[in-house]
C-alpha atoms as a PDB file:
ATOM      1  CA  MET A   1       0.000   0.000   0.000  1.00  0.00           C
ATOM      2  CA  ARG A   2       1.341   3.403  -0.962  1.00  0.00           C
ATOM      3  CA  LYS A   3       1.053   6.243   1.520  1.00  0.00           C
ATOM      4  CA  ALA A   4       1.063   9.875   0.525  1.00  0.00           C
ATOM      5  CA  ASN A   5       1.297  13.087   2.527  1.00  0.00           C
ATOM      6  CA  ASN A   6      -0.088  16.369   1.295  1.00  0.00           C
ATOM      7  CA  LEU A   7       0.118  19.770   2.904  1.00  0.00           C
ATOM      8  CA  ILE A   8      -2.596  22.250   2.019  1.00  0.00           C
ATOM      9  CA  SER A   9      -2.304  25.805   3.285  1.00  0.00           C
ATOM     10  CA  ALA A  10      -5.149  28.321   3.333  1.00  0.00           C
ATOM     11  CA  MET A  11      -5.286  31.769   4.908  1.00  0.00           C
ATOM     12  CA  LYS A  12      -8.510  32.646   6.748  1.00  0.00           C
ATOM     13  CA  GLY A  13     -10.562  35.423   5.215  1.00  0.00           C
ATOM     14  CA  VAL A  14      -9.489  34.804   1.629  1.00  0.00           C
ATOM     15  CA  TYR A  15     -12.032  32.154   0.690  1.00  0.00           C
ATOM     16  CA  ASN A  16     -15.659  31.485   1.540  1.00  0.00           C
ATOM     17  CA  GLU A  17     -16.224  29.742   4.910  1.00  0.00           C
ATOM     18  CA  TRP A  18     -17.634  26.750   2.980  1.00  0.00           C
ATOM     19  CA  VAL A  19     -14.194  26.146   1.434  1.00  0.00           C
ATOM     20  CA  TYR A  20     -12.510  26.045   4.863  1.00  0.00           C
ATOM     21  CA  ASN A  21     -15.139  23.684   6.242  1.00  0.00           C
ATOM     22  CA  ARG A  22     -14.657  21.306   3.289  1.00  0.00           C
ATOM     23  CA  LEU A  23     -10.860  21.364   3.597  1.00  0.00           C
ATOM     24  CA  GLU A  24     -10.981  20.733   7.352  1.00  0.00           C
ATOM     25  CA  GLY A  25     -13.587  17.988   6.940  1.00  0.00           C
ATOM     26  CA  THR A  26     -11.505  16.042   4.443  1.00  0.00           C
ATOM     27  CA  SER A  27      -8.179  16.495   6.263  1.00  0.00           C
ATOM     28  CA  ASP A  28      -6.615  14.092   8.751  1.00  0.00           C
ATOM     29  CA  SER A  29      -5.265  16.990  10.778  1.00  0.00           C
ATOM     30  CA  VAL A  30      -5.616  20.756  11.110  1.00  0.00           C
ATOM     31  CA  ILE A  31      -2.738  22.893  12.386  1.00  0.00           C
ATOM     32  CA  ASP A  32      -3.301  26.603  13.057  1.00  0.00           C
ATOM     33  CA  PHE A  33      -0.619  29.301  12.962  1.00  0.00           C
ATOM     34  CA  ASP A  34      -1.157  32.776  14.396  1.00  0.00           C
ATOM     35  CA  ILE A  35       0.707  35.891  15.472  1.00  0.00           C
ATOM     36  CA  ASP A  36      -0.005  36.810  19.092  1.00  0.00           C
ATOM     37  CA  LYS A  37       0.066  40.598  19.285  1.00  0.00           C
ATOM     38  CA  THR A  38      -1.104  40.856  22.918  1.00  0.00           C
ATOM     39  CA  ALA A  39       2.392  40.431  24.395  1.00  0.00           C
ATOM     40  CA  HIS A  40       5.039  43.176  24.586  1.00  0.00           C
ATOM     41  CA  GLU A  41       6.281  42.111  21.171  1.00  0.00           C
ATOM     42  CA  ALA A  42       4.530  39.987  18.551  1.00  0.00           C
ATOM     43  CA  ARG A  43       5.265  36.258  18.700  1.00  0.00           C
ATOM     44  CA  ASP A  44       4.470  33.366  16.372  1.00  0.00           C
ATOM     45  CA  THR A  45       2.177  30.694  17.811  1.00  0.00           C
ATOM     46  CA  ILE A  46       0.991  27.263  16.710  1.00  0.00           C
ATOM     47  CA  ARG A  47      -1.668  24.788  17.829  1.00  0.00           C
ATOM     48  CA  ILE A  48      -2.861  21.408  16.685  1.00  0.00           C
ATOM     49  CA  ARG A  49      -6.609  21.841  16.410  1.00  0.00           C
ATOM     50  CA  ASN A  50      -7.423  18.325  15.278  1.00  0.00           C
ATOM     51  CA  ILE A  51      -5.686  15.042  14.452  1.00  0.00           C
ATOM     52  CA  ARG A  52      -7.981  12.255  13.363  1.00  0.00           C
ATOM     53  CA  ASN A  53      -8.133   9.418  15.930  1.00  0.00           C
ATOM     54  CA  VAL A  54      -5.449  11.003  18.162  1.00  0.00           C
ATOM     55  CA  ALA A  55      -5.867  13.055  21.327  1.00  0.00           C
ATOM     56  CA  SER A  56      -3.977  16.337  21.154  1.00  0.00           C
ATOM     57  CA  ASP A  57      -3.314  19.504  23.141  1.00  0.00           C
ATOM     58  CA  ARG A  58      -5.359  22.304  21.546  1.00  0.00           C
ATOM     59  CA  SER A  59      -3.623  25.155  23.366  1.00  0.00           C
ATOM     60  CA  TRP A  60      -1.444  27.719  21.601  1.00  0.00           C
ATOM     61  CA  HIS A  61       2.362  27.357  21.838  1.00  0.00           C
ATOM     62  CA  ALA A  62       4.998  29.945  20.960  1.00  0.00           C
ATOM     63  CA  PHE A  63       7.699  28.999  18.475  1.00  0.00           C
ATOM     64  CA  LYS A  64      10.698  30.630  16.883  1.00  0.00           C
ATOM     65  CA  ILE A  65      12.068  30.216  13.373  1.00  0.00           C
ATOM     66  CA  GLY A  66      15.833  29.883  13.454  1.00  0.00           C
ATOM     67  CA  GLU A  67      18.585  29.613  10.911  1.00  0.00           C
ATOM     68  CA  ASN A  68      17.887  27.276   7.996  1.00  0.00           C
ATOM     69  CA  PHE A  69      14.169  27.684   8.867  1.00  0.00           C
ATOM     70  CA  GLU A  70      14.457  25.392  11.888  1.00  0.00           C
ATOM     71  CA  ILE A  71      11.467  25.629  14.231  1.00  0.00           C
ATOM     72  CA  ALA A  72      11.938  25.605  18.018  1.00  0.00           C
ATOM     73  CA  LEU A  73       8.859  25.205  20.224  1.00  0.00           C
ATOM     74  CA  ASN A  74       8.730  26.929  23.597  1.00  0.00           C
ATOM     75  CA  ILE A  75       6.743  24.330  25.547  1.00  0.00           C
ATOM     76  CA  VAL A  76       6.921  24.027  29.319  1.00  0.00           C
ATOM     77  CA  TYR A  77       5.771  20.752  30.870  1.00  0.00           C
ATOM     78  CA  PHE A  78       4.727  20.570  34.498  1.00  0.00           C
ATOM     79  CA  ALA A  79       4.909  17.316  36.467  1.00  0.00           C
ATOM     80  CA  PRO A  80       1.697  16.494  38.384  1.00  0.00           C
END
């Protein structure tokens, strides 16, 4: 069996809401990117909104884009 991965990117507000709903409905996962402008300086954030058949953390996480477009997440884990 051959497996294929596709990445489809769409910016909110460009297309009709119907288009976004169709894309999200047919996708195995939805990852949101945003710029948080509420802090002292703007910061890039990411969240996994949905992954089919997998539990995920839906909260926003800050990340930085480094040299060679490497992405570093700023996630803090707390032990119970």
